[in-house]
């Protein structure tokens, strides 16, 4: 059980570090949450990793928002695609609204 928890957590951590695909992150975090059922056998490892992964995901979103705002202020639009495409393609209404707000600023 511990190996599976580590493997899944590492996969989610890599996704958070390497991309801005928040829908995919949220889906994997939701799936990982079910691993908390193993906590009694793993001394709370799943819950501990989930808290850390959730904080990393929140920090990533904050960092991406700041990077986008900085690019807009500097009128440096090169590289924005990697941040805006996940918002534009998101099924989450809040992310779509954020994309539309950013698009108006640009």
N, C-alpha and C. Protein backbone atom coordinates (compact mmCIF):
# COMPACT_ATOMS: atom_id res chain seq x y z
N UNK A 1 0.82 -1.20 0.00
CA UNK A 1 0.00 0.00 0.00
C UNK A 1 0.86 1.26 0.00
N UNK A 2 1.94 1.23 0.78
CA UNK A 2 2.81 2.42 0.86
C UNK A 2 3.44 2.73 -0.49
N UNK A 3 3.83 1.69 -1.21
CA UNK A 3 4.46 1.90 -2.52
C UNK A 3 3.48 2.53 -3.50
N UNK A 4 2.22 2.09 -3.48
CA UNK A 4 1.22 2.66 -4.36
C UNK A 4 0.94 4.12 -4.00
N UNK A 5 0.90 4.40 -2.72
CA UNK A 5 0.67 5.77 -2.27
C UNK A 5 1.82 6.66 -2.75
N UNK A 6 3.05 6.19 -2.57
CA UNK A 6 4.22 6.96 -3.02
C UNK A 6 4.22 7.16 -4.52
N UNK A 7 3.90 6.11 -5.24
CA UNK A 7 3.90 6.18 -6.70
C UNK A 7 2.87 7.19 -7.21
N UNK A 8 1.66 7.09 -6.69
CA UNK A 8 0.60 8.02 -7.11
C UNK A 8 0.92 9.45 -6.69
N UNK A 9 1.43 9.62 -5.49
CA UNK A 9 1.77 10.95 -5.00
C UNK A 9 2.88 11.57 -5.85
N UNK A 10 3.86 10.79 -6.20
CA UNK A 10 4.96 11.27 -7.03
C UNK A 10 4.46 11.67 -8.41
N UNK A 11 3.54 10.92 -8.95
CA UNK A 11 2.96 11.25 -10.27
C UNK A 11 2.21 12.58 -10.21
N UNK A 12 1.43 12.78 -9.16
CA UNK A 12 0.69 14.04 -9.00
C UNK A 12 1.67 15.19 -8.78
N UNK A 13 2.66 14.98 -7.97
CA UNK A 13 3.66 16.02 -7.69
C UNK A 13 4.37 16.44 -8.99
N UNK A 14 4.72 15.49 -9.82
CA UNK A 14 5.37 15.80 -11.10
C UNK A 14 4.44 16.62 -11.99
N UNK A 15 3.18 16.25 -12.04
CA UNK A 15 2.21 16.98 -12.85
C UNK A 15 2.10 18.43 -12.38
N UNK A 16 2.04 18.62 -11.07
CA UNK A 16 1.93 19.97 -10.50
C UNK A 16 3.17 20.79 -10.83
N UNK A 17 4.34 20.19 -10.72
CA UNK A 17 5.58 20.91 -10.98
C UNK A 17 5.76 21.25 -12.45
N UNK A 18 5.31 20.38 -13.34
CA UNK A 18 5.63 20.51 -14.76
C UNK A 18 4.56 21.18 -15.61
N UNK A 19 3.33 21.29 -15.13
CA UNK A 19 2.26 21.80 -15.97
C UNK A 19 1.36 22.78 -15.22
N UNK A 20 0.40 23.31 -15.97
CA UNK A 20 -0.65 24.15 -15.38
C UNK A 20 -2.01 23.54 -15.70
N UNK A 21 -2.06 22.22 -15.86
CA UNK A 21 -3.31 21.53 -16.19
C UNK A 21 -4.07 21.21 -14.89
N UNK A 22 -4.78 22.23 -14.42
CA UNK A 22 -5.43 22.13 -13.11
C UNK A 22 -6.57 21.13 -13.08
N UNK A 23 -7.31 20.96 -14.17
CA UNK A 23 -8.38 19.96 -14.19
C UNK A 23 -7.81 18.56 -13.96
N UNK A 24 -6.71 18.28 -14.62
CA UNK A 24 -6.08 16.96 -14.46
C UNK A 24 -5.54 16.80 -13.04
N UNK A 25 -4.95 17.85 -12.50
CA UNK A 25 -4.46 17.80 -11.12
C UNK A 25 -5.61 17.51 -10.16
N UNK A 26 -6.71 18.24 -10.33
CA UNK A 26 -7.85 18.08 -9.43
C UNK A 26 -8.45 16.69 -9.53
N UNK A 27 -8.49 16.15 -10.73
CA UNK A 27 -9.02 14.79 -10.92
C UNK A 27 -8.15 13.77 -10.17
N UNK A 28 -6.83 13.88 -10.35
CA UNK A 28 -5.92 12.95 -9.68
C UNK A 28 -5.94 13.12 -8.17
N UNK A 29 -6.05 14.36 -7.70
CA UNK A 29 -6.14 14.58 -6.25
C UNK A 29 -7.42 13.98 -5.69
N UNK A 30 -8.51 14.10 -6.44
CA UNK A 30 -9.77 13.49 -6.01
C UNK A 30 -9.66 11.98 -5.91
N UNK A 31 -9.00 11.38 -6.89
CA UNK A 31 -8.79 9.94 -6.87
C UNK A 31 -7.87 9.53 -5.72
N UNK A 32 -6.84 10.33 -5.50
CA UNK A 32 -5.87 10.04 -4.43
C UNK A 32 -6.53 10.12 -3.06
N UNK A 33 -7.55 10.95 -2.94
CA UNK A 33 -8.24 11.09 -1.66
C UNK A 33 -8.78 9.75 -1.15
N UNK A 34 -9.15 8.87 -2.07
CA UNK A 34 -9.66 7.57 -1.65
C UNK A 34 -8.58 6.74 -0.95
N UNK A 35 -7.32 7.08 -1.15
CA UNK A 35 -6.23 6.35 -0.50
C UNK A 35 -6.22 6.60 1.01
N UNK A 36 -6.95 7.62 1.46
CA UNK A 36 -6.99 7.89 2.90
C UNK A 36 -7.57 6.71 3.67
N UNK A 37 -8.33 5.86 2.97
CA UNK A 37 -8.88 4.66 3.62
C UNK A 37 -7.77 3.74 4.09
N UNK A 38 -6.58 3.88 3.51
CA UNK A 38 -5.44 3.04 3.89
C UNK A 38 -4.66 3.62 5.07
N UNK A 39 -5.04 4.79 5.54
CA UNK A 39 -4.29 5.46 6.60
C UNK A 39 -4.08 4.59 7.84
N UNK A 40 -5.06 3.83 8.20
CA UNK A 40 -4.92 3.02 9.42
C UNK A 40 -3.85 1.95 9.25
N UNK A 41 -3.51 1.62 7.98
CA UNK A 41 -2.48 0.61 7.71
C UNK A 41 -1.13 1.25 7.39
N UNK A 42 -1.13 2.54 7.11
CA UNK A 42 0.09 3.21 6.67
C UNK A 42 0.48 4.38 7.58
N UNK A 43 -0.02 4.40 8.77
CA UNK A 43 0.27 5.45 9.75
C UNK A 43 -0.03 6.84 9.21
N UNK A 44 -1.13 6.97 8.49
CA UNK A 44 -1.58 8.27 8.01
C UNK A 44 -0.83 8.82 6.82
N UNK A 45 -0.10 7.97 6.13
CA UNK A 45 0.73 8.43 5.02
C UNK A 45 -0.09 9.09 3.90
N UNK A 46 -1.22 8.50 3.56
CA UNK A 46 -2.03 9.05 2.45
C UNK A 46 -2.56 10.44 2.80
N UNK A 47 -3.07 10.62 3.99
CA UNK A 47 -3.58 11.93 4.40
C UNK A 47 -2.48 12.97 4.43
N UNK A 48 -1.33 12.57 4.93
CA UNK A 48 -0.19 13.47 4.99
C UNK A 48 0.23 13.91 3.59
N UNK A 49 0.35 12.95 2.68
CA UNK A 49 0.75 13.28 1.30
C UNK A 49 -0.32 14.11 0.61
N UNK A 50 -1.59 13.82 0.89
CA UNK A 50 -2.68 14.57 0.26
C UNK A 50 -2.64 16.03 0.69
N UNK A 51 -2.39 16.28 1.97
CA UNK A 51 -2.29 17.66 2.44
C UNK A 51 -1.15 18.40 1.72
N UNK A 52 -0.01 17.76 1.63
CA UNK A 52 1.14 18.36 0.96
C UNK A 52 0.84 18.62 -0.53
N UNK A 53 0.26 17.64 -1.20
CA UNK A 53 -0.06 17.78 -2.62
C UNK A 53 -1.09 18.88 -2.85
N UNK A 54 -2.06 18.99 -1.98
CA UNK A 54 -3.08 20.04 -2.10
C UNK A 54 -2.44 21.42 -1.94
N UNK A 55 -1.51 21.55 -1.01
CA UNK A 55 -0.81 22.82 -0.82
C UNK A 55 0.04 23.16 -2.04
N UNK A 56 0.71 22.15 -2.59
CA UNK A 56 1.52 22.37 -3.80
C UNK A 56 0.65 22.83 -4.96
N UNK A 57 -0.51 22.23 -5.10
CA UNK A 57 -1.43 22.59 -6.18
C UNK A 57 -1.91 24.03 -6.01
N UNK A 58 -2.26 24.41 -4.78
CA UNK A 58 -2.70 25.78 -4.51
C UNK A 58 -1.59 26.78 -4.81
N UNK A 59 -0.37 26.45 -4.40
CA UNK A 59 0.77 27.31 -4.65
C UNK A 59 1.01 27.44 -6.15
N UNK A 60 0.88 26.35 -6.86
CA UNK A 60 1.07 26.39 -8.32
C UNK A 60 0.07 27.34 -8.97
N UNK A 61 -1.18 27.27 -8.55
CA UNK A 61 -2.19 28.15 -9.14
C UNK A 61 -1.86 29.62 -8.82
N UNK A 62 -1.43 29.89 -7.61
CA UNK A 62 -1.05 31.25 -7.23
C UNK A 62 0.14 31.72 -8.07
N UNK A 63 1.13 30.85 -8.24
CA UNK A 63 2.31 31.19 -9.03
C UNK A 63 1.95 31.43 -10.49
N UNK A 64 1.07 30.60 -11.04
CA UNK A 64 0.66 30.77 -12.44
C UNK A 64 -0.10 32.09 -12.60
N UNK A 65 -0.99 32.39 -11.68
CA UNK A 65 -1.73 33.66 -11.74
C UNK A 65 -0.76 34.85 -11.73
N UNK A 66 0.23 34.78 -10.85
CA UNK A 66 1.21 35.87 -10.75
C UNK A 66 2.03 35.98 -12.03
N UNK A 67 2.42 34.84 -12.59
CA UNK A 67 3.21 34.85 -13.83
C UNK A 67 2.41 35.45 -14.98
N UNK A 68 1.14 35.09 -15.07
CA UNK A 68 0.29 35.64 -16.14
C UNK A 68 0.15 37.15 -15.97
N UNK A 69 -0.11 37.61 -14.76
CA UNK A 69 -0.26 39.04 -14.52
C UNK A 69 1.03 39.80 -14.87
N UNK A 70 2.15 39.21 -14.50
CA UNK A 70 3.43 39.84 -14.82
C UNK A 70 3.64 39.92 -16.33
N UNK A 71 3.30 38.86 -17.05
CA UNK A 71 3.44 38.85 -18.51
C UNK A 71 2.55 39.92 -19.14
N UNK A 72 1.34 40.05 -18.62
CA UNK A 72 0.42 41.06 -19.15
C UNK A 72 0.98 42.46 -18.91
N UNK A 73 1.45 42.71 -17.69
CA UNK A 73 1.99 44.03 -17.36
C UNK A 73 3.20 44.39 -18.23
N UNK A 74 4.03 43.40 -18.52
CA UNK A 74 5.22 43.62 -19.33
C UNK A 74 4.94 43.52 -20.83
N UNK A 75 3.68 43.20 -21.16
CA UNK A 75 3.30 42.96 -22.55
C UNK A 75 4.22 41.93 -23.20
N UNK A 76 4.54 40.92 -22.41
CA UNK A 76 5.39 39.81 -22.86
C UNK A 76 4.49 38.58 -22.97
N UNK A 77 3.94 38.38 -24.14
CA UNK A 77 2.94 37.33 -24.30
C UNK A 77 3.54 36.00 -24.74
N UNK A 78 4.82 35.98 -24.96
CA UNK A 78 5.49 34.73 -25.34
C UNK A 78 5.45 33.76 -24.16
N UNK A 79 4.95 32.59 -24.39
CA UNK A 79 4.89 31.58 -23.33
C UNK A 79 3.59 31.55 -22.55
N UNK A 80 2.68 32.48 -22.84
CA UNK A 80 1.40 32.50 -22.11
C UNK A 80 0.52 31.31 -22.46
N UNK A 81 0.71 30.79 -23.63
CA UNK A 81 -0.15 29.70 -24.09
C UNK A 81 -0.20 28.54 -23.10
N UNK A 82 0.95 28.17 -22.55
CA UNK A 82 0.98 27.03 -21.63
C UNK A 82 0.14 27.27 -20.38
N UNK A 83 -0.05 28.54 -20.02
CA UNK A 83 -0.87 28.86 -18.86
C UNK A 83 -2.33 29.07 -19.22
N UNK A 84 -2.59 29.66 -20.38
CA UNK A 84 -3.96 30.00 -20.76
C UNK A 84 -4.74 28.83 -21.35
N UNK A 85 -4.08 27.96 -22.08
CA UNK A 85 -4.78 26.84 -22.73
C UNK A 85 -5.52 25.96 -21.72
N UNK A 86 -4.89 25.58 -20.59
CA UNK A 86 -5.64 24.77 -19.61
C UNK A 86 -6.87 25.49 -19.07
N UNK A 87 -6.79 26.81 -18.92
CA UNK A 87 -7.96 27.56 -18.45
C UNK A 87 -9.04 27.57 -19.52
N UNK A 88 -8.65 27.80 -20.76
CA UNK A 88 -9.62 27.85 -21.86
C UNK A 88 -10.29 26.50 -22.07
N UNK A 89 -9.54 25.43 -21.89
CA UNK A 89 -10.07 24.08 -22.13
C UNK A 89 -10.75 23.46 -20.92
N UNK A 90 -10.74 24.16 -19.80
CA UNK A 90 -11.26 23.61 -18.55
C UNK A 90 -12.77 23.40 -18.60
N UNK A 91 -13.21 22.39 -17.89
CA UNK A 91 -14.65 22.15 -17.74
C UNK A 91 -15.20 22.90 -16.51
N UNK A 92 -14.31 23.48 -15.71
CA UNK A 92 -14.67 24.23 -14.52
C UNK A 92 -15.08 25.65 -14.92
N UNK A 93 -16.26 26.06 -14.55
CA UNK A 93 -16.79 27.36 -14.93
C UNK A 93 -15.93 28.51 -14.39
N UNK A 94 -15.40 28.37 -13.19
CA UNK A 94 -14.55 29.42 -12.61
C UNK A 94 -13.28 29.61 -13.43
N UNK A 95 -12.70 28.52 -13.89
CA UNK A 95 -11.48 28.62 -14.69
C UNK A 95 -11.79 29.25 -16.05
N UNK A 96 -12.93 28.92 -16.62
CA UNK A 96 -13.35 29.54 -17.89
C UNK A 96 -13.52 31.05 -17.70
N UNK A 97 -14.14 31.45 -16.58
CA UNK A 97 -14.32 32.88 -16.31
C UNK A 97 -12.97 33.57 -16.15
N UNK A 98 -12.05 32.91 -15.46
CA UNK A 98 -10.72 33.48 -15.30
C UNK A 98 -10.06 33.67 -16.67
N UNK A 99 -10.20 32.68 -17.54
CA UNK A 99 -9.65 32.79 -18.89
C UNK A 99 -10.25 33.99 -19.62
N UNK A 100 -11.56 34.13 -19.55
CA UNK A 100 -12.23 35.24 -20.24
C UNK A 100 -11.78 36.60 -19.69
N UNK A 101 -11.60 36.69 -18.38
CA UNK A 101 -11.11 37.94 -17.77
C UNK A 101 -9.70 38.27 -18.26
N UNK A 102 -8.86 37.25 -18.29
CA UNK A 102 -7.49 37.46 -18.75
C UNK A 102 -7.46 37.83 -20.23
N UNK A 103 -8.30 37.19 -21.01
CA UNK A 103 -8.36 37.46 -22.44
C UNK A 103 -8.75 38.93 -22.69
N UNK A 104 -9.67 39.44 -21.89
CA UNK A 104 -10.06 40.86 -22.04
C UNK A 104 -8.90 41.80 -21.71
N UNK A 105 -8.07 41.43 -20.74
CA UNK A 105 -6.93 42.26 -20.37
C UNK A 105 -5.87 42.30 -21.48
N UNK A 106 -5.78 41.19 -22.18
CA UNK A 106 -4.78 41.09 -23.24
C UNK A 106 -5.28 41.85 -24.44
